[in-house]
């Protein structure tokens, strides 16, 4: 703990992390490359999560926007906006508590995690 991250961050370094607030998500991060940057800011965003390329389980024509946390253990429970409305008619829990947005996170579907709202104007949906 006496060294800063930039001193130990080498290519091929693997970092294991367990994220746990009631249910565990196990993460393994891999350093792919490192390079020096000359920037005046202390923090620079070098990467970001892009929207996931998950298609609707029902129509398979549009990007999935929602997941049903009740049905996800038995089915591929990802739905576009139109098919989410149809699924709500079949699954009484969907509108009550089981509908959550599809987000690019290892916590997707865990403990009702719904992600953040960073840079929503830049974010787009996957087009097939």
C-alpha atoms as a PDB file:
ATOM      1  CA  UNK A   1       0.000   0.000   0.000  1.00  0.00           C
ATOM      2  CA  UNK A   2       3.036   2.296  -0.010  1.00  0.00           C
ATOM      3  CA  UNK A   3       3.066   2.630  -3.838  1.00  0.00           C
ATOM      4  CA  UNK A   4       0.672   4.564  -6.049  1.00  0.00           C
ATOM      5  CA  UNK A   5      -1.299   2.715  -8.701  1.00  0.00           C
ATOM      6  CA  UNK A   6       0.720   4.145 -11.581  1.00  0.00           C
ATOM      7  CA  UNK A   7       3.859   2.530 -10.097  1.00  0.00           C
ATOM      8  CA  UNK A   8       2.382  -0.996 -10.020  1.00  0.00           C
ATOM      9  CA  UNK A   9       0.148  -0.833 -13.104  1.00  0.00           C
ATOM     10  CA  UNK A  10       1.973  -2.996 -15.642  1.00  0.00           C
ATOM     11  CA  UNK A  11       0.624  -4.818 -18.708  1.00  0.00           C
ATOM     12  CA  UNK A  12      -0.701  -8.302 -17.860  1.00  0.00           C
ATOM     13  CA  UNK A  13      -1.419  -7.257 -14.251  1.00  0.00           C
ATOM     14  CA  UNK A  14      -4.655  -8.880 -13.066  1.00  0.00           C
ATOM     15  CA  UNK A  15      -6.676  -7.410 -10.217  1.00  0.00           C
ATOM     16  CA  UNK A  16      -9.428  -9.403  -8.523  1.00  0.00           C
ATOM     17  CA  UNK A  17     -12.155  -7.548  -6.685  1.00  0.00           C
ATOM     18  CA  UNK A  18     -15.341  -8.647  -4.940  1.00  0.00           C
ATOM     19  CA  UNK A  19     -18.100  -6.042  -4.942  1.00  0.00           C
ATOM     20  CA  UNK A  20     -20.617  -6.884  -2.235  1.00  0.00           C
ATOM     21  CA  UNK A  21     -23.616  -4.996  -0.883  1.00  0.00           C
ATOM     22  CA  UNK A  22     -25.795  -8.003  -0.060  1.00  0.00           C
ATOM     23  CA  UNK A  23     -24.840 -10.161  -3.024  1.00  0.00           C
ATOM     24  CA  UNK A  24     -21.376 -10.576  -4.478  1.00  0.00           C
ATOM     25  CA  UNK A  25     -20.132  -9.671  -7.935  1.00  0.00           C
ATOM     26  CA  UNK A  26     -16.664 -10.969  -8.707  1.00  0.00           C
ATOM     27  CA  UNK A  27     -14.547  -8.826 -11.009  1.00  0.00           C
ATOM     28  CA  UNK A  28     -11.221  -9.497 -12.668  1.00  0.00           C
ATOM     29  CA  UNK A  29      -9.549  -6.478 -14.225  1.00  0.00           C
ATOM     30  CA  UNK A  30      -6.655  -6.888 -16.653  1.00  0.00           C
ATOM     31  CA  UNK A  31      -4.181  -4.180 -17.593  1.00  0.00           C
ATOM     32  CA  UNK A  32      -3.806  -4.306 -21.356  1.00  0.00           C
ATOM     33  CA  UNK A  33      -1.335  -1.473 -21.839  1.00  0.00           C
ATOM     34  CA  UNK A  34      -0.040   1.699 -20.225  1.00  0.00           C
ATOM     35  CA  UNK A  35       1.419   4.899 -21.581  1.00  0.00           C
ATOM     36  CA  UNK A  36       2.397   8.345 -20.338  1.00  0.00           C
ATOM     37  CA  UNK A  37       0.170  11.338 -21.027  1.00  0.00           C
ATOM     38  CA  UNK A  38       1.010  14.981 -20.618  1.00  0.00           C
ATOM     39  CA  UNK A  39      -2.251  16.460 -19.351  1.00  0.00           C
ATOM     40  CA  UNK A  40      -2.831  19.410 -17.026  1.00  0.00           C
ATOM     41  CA  UNK A  41      -5.794  17.789 -15.235  1.00  0.00           C
ATOM     42  CA  UNK A  42      -5.404  15.376 -12.365  1.00  0.00           C
ATOM     43  CA  UNK A  43      -8.069  13.020 -13.768  1.00  0.00           C
ATOM     44  CA  UNK A  44      -8.554  12.103 -17.400  1.00  0.00           C
ATOM     45  CA  UNK A  45     -11.221   9.694 -18.621  1.00  0.00           C
ATOM     46  CA  UNK A  46      -9.449   7.247 -20.919  1.00  0.00           C
ATOM     47  CA  UNK A  47     -12.200   4.696 -21.372  1.00  0.00           C
ATOM     48  CA  UNK A  48     -15.885   4.211 -20.766  1.00  0.00           C
ATOM     49  CA  UNK A  49     -18.538   1.562 -20.903  1.00  0.00           C
ATOM     50  CA  UNK A  50     -20.376   1.492 -24.194  1.00  0.00           C
ATOM     51  CA  UNK A  51     -24.031   0.413 -24.374  1.00  0.00           C
ATOM     52  CA  UNK A  52     -24.357  -3.372 -24.454  1.00  0.00           C
ATOM     53  CA  UNK A  53     -25.287  -5.067 -27.726  1.00  0.00           C
ATOM     54  CA  UNK A  54     -28.123  -7.172 -26.331  1.00  0.00           C
ATOM     55  CA  UNK A  55     -31.128  -7.744 -28.553  1.00  0.00           C
ATOM     56  CA  UNK A  56     -34.717  -8.260 -27.417  1.00  0.00           C
ATOM     57  CA  UNK A  57     -35.493 -11.866 -26.515  1.00  0.00           C
ATOM     58  CA  UNK A  58     -38.984 -11.674 -28.027  1.00  0.00           C
ATOM     59  CA  UNK A  59     -38.663  -9.858 -31.357  1.00  0.00           C
ATOM     60  CA  UNK A  60     -34.854 -10.060 -31.814  1.00  0.00           C
ATOM     61  CA  UNK A  61     -35.116  -6.891 -33.953  1.00  0.00           C
ATOM     62  CA  UNK A  62     -34.578  -4.065 -31.457  1.00  0.00           C
ATOM     63  CA  UNK A  63     -32.041  -3.442 -28.676  1.00  0.00           C
ATOM     64  CA  UNK A  64     -33.073  -4.643 -25.236  1.00  0.00           C
ATOM     65  CA  UNK A  65     -33.788  -1.760 -22.865  1.00  0.00           C
ATOM     66  CA  UNK A  66     -35.149  -3.710 -19.880  1.00  0.00           C
ATOM     67  CA  UNK A  67     -34.587  -6.973 -18.067  1.00  0.00           C
ATOM     68  CA  UNK A  68     -37.070  -8.871 -15.898  1.00  0.00           C
ATOM     69  CA  UNK A  69     -35.326  -9.842 -12.656  1.00  0.00           C
ATOM     70  CA  UNK A  70     -37.985 -12.456 -11.908  1.00  0.00           C
ATOM     71  CA  UNK A  71     -37.839 -14.251 -15.250  1.00  0.00           C
ATOM     72  CA  UNK A  72     -34.095 -13.918 -15.861  1.00  0.00           C
ATOM     73  CA  UNK A  73     -33.336 -17.122 -13.956  1.00  0.00           C
ATOM     74  CA  UNK A  74     -35.525 -19.233 -16.252  1.00  0.00           C
ATOM     75  CA  UNK A  75     -35.422 -17.349 -19.568  1.00  0.00           C
ATOM     76  CA  UNK A  76     -33.422 -14.883 -21.595  1.00  0.00           C
ATOM     77  CA  UNK A  77     -35.431 -12.012 -20.123  1.00  0.00           C
ATOM     78  CA  UNK A  78     -34.257  -8.957 -22.103  1.00  0.00           C
ATOM     79  CA  UNK A  79     -36.945  -6.823 -23.772  1.00  0.00           C
ATOM     80  CA  UNK A  80     -37.196  -3.813 -26.080  1.00  0.00           C
ATOM     81  CA  UNK A  81     -39.694  -1.057 -25.223  1.00  0.00           C
ATOM     82  CA  UNK A  82     -42.565  -2.647 -27.175  1.00  0.00           C
ATOM     83  CA  UNK A  83     -41.959  -6.181 -25.906  1.00  0.00           C
ATOM     84  CA  UNK A  84     -41.537  -4.882 -22.325  1.00  0.00           C
ATOM     85  CA  UNK A  85     -45.175  -3.766 -22.476  1.00  0.00           C
ATOM     86  CA  UNK A  86     -46.217  -7.228 -23.709  1.00  0.00           C
ATOM     87  CA  UNK A  87     -44.137  -8.943 -21.008  1.00  0.00           C
ATOM     88  CA  UNK A  88     -45.804  -6.791 -18.332  1.00  0.00           C
ATOM     89  CA  UNK A  89     -49.145  -8.329 -19.339  1.00  0.00           C
ATOM     90  CA  UNK A  90     -47.745 -11.860 -18.774  1.00  0.00           C
ATOM     91  CA  UNK A  91     -45.609 -11.205 -15.667  1.00  0.00           C
ATOM     92  CA  UNK A  92     -47.430  -9.506 -12.807  1.00  0.00           C
ATOM     93  CA  UNK A  93     -44.144  -8.709 -11.004  1.00  0.00           C
ATOM     94  CA  UNK A  94     -42.600  -6.843 -13.932  1.00  0.00           C
ATOM     95  CA  UNK A  95     -44.310  -3.475 -13.398  1.00  0.00           C
ATOM     96  CA  UNK A  96     -44.323  -3.818  -9.603  1.00  0.00           C
ATOM     97  CA  UNK A  97     -40.590  -4.317  -9.019  1.00  0.00           C
ATOM     98  CA  UNK A  98     -38.901  -6.656 -11.512  1.00  0.00           C
ATOM     99  CA  UNK A  99     -38.330  -4.269 -14.447  1.00  0.00           C
ATOM    100  CA  UNK A 100     -34.860  -2.718 -14.474  1.00  0.00           C
ATOM    101  CA  UNK A 101     -32.935  -1.053 -17.298  1.00  0.00           C
ATOM    102  CA  UNK A 102     -30.183  -2.821 -19.212  1.00  0.00           C
ATOM    103  CA  UNK A 103     -26.936  -1.151 -18.140  1.00  0.00           C
ATOM    104  CA  UNK A 104     -23.320  -1.927 -18.938  1.00  0.00           C
ATOM    105  CA  UNK A 105     -22.233  -3.198 -15.556  1.00  0.00           C
ATOM    106  CA  UNK A 106     -21.297  -6.528 -14.005  1.00  0.00           C
ATOM    107  CA  UNK A 107     -24.038  -5.705 -11.481  1.00  0.00           C
ATOM    108  CA  UNK A 108     -26.785  -5.930 -14.161  1.00  0.00           C
ATOM    109  CA  UNK A 109     -29.665  -7.899 -12.651  1.00  0.00           C
ATOM    110  CA  UNK A 110     -28.087  -7.995  -9.178  1.00  0.00           C
ATOM    111  CA  UNK A 111     -30.027  -6.514  -6.261  1.00  0.00           C
ATOM    112  CA  UNK A 112     -32.020  -4.235  -8.552  1.00  0.00           C
ATOM    113  CA  UNK A 113     -28.921  -2.345  -9.737  1.00  0.00           C
ATOM    114  CA  UNK A 114     -29.995   0.264 -12.279  1.00  0.00           C
ATOM    115  CA  UNK A 115     -26.693   1.945 -13.162  1.00  0.00           C
ATOM    116  CA  UNK A 116     -25.918   5.608 -13.433  1.00  0.00           C
ATOM    117  CA  UNK A 117     -26.833   8.509 -15.668  1.00  0.00           C
ATOM    118  CA  UNK A 118     -23.440   9.695 -16.921  1.00  0.00           C
ATOM    119  CA  UNK A 119     -23.357  11.360 -20.343  1.00  0.00           C
ATOM    120  CA  UNK A 120     -26.770  10.212 -21.519  1.00  0.00           C
ATOM    121  CA  UNK A 121     -26.726  12.566 -24.530  1.00  0.00           C
ATOM    122  CA  UNK A 122     -23.602  10.848 -25.870  1.00  0.00           C
ATOM    123  CA  UNK A 123     -24.848   7.340 -25.175  1.00  0.00           C
ATOM    124  CA  UNK A 124     -26.659   5.674 -28.010  1.00  0.00           C
ATOM    125  CA  UNK A 125     -28.404   2.391 -28.490  1.00  0.00           C
ATOM    126  CA  UNK A 126     -27.007  -0.443 -30.520  1.00  0.00           C
ATOM    127  CA  UNK A 127     -28.502  -0.593 -33.996  1.00  0.00           C
ATOM    128  CA  UNK A 128     -28.498  -3.942 -35.702  1.00  0.00           C
END
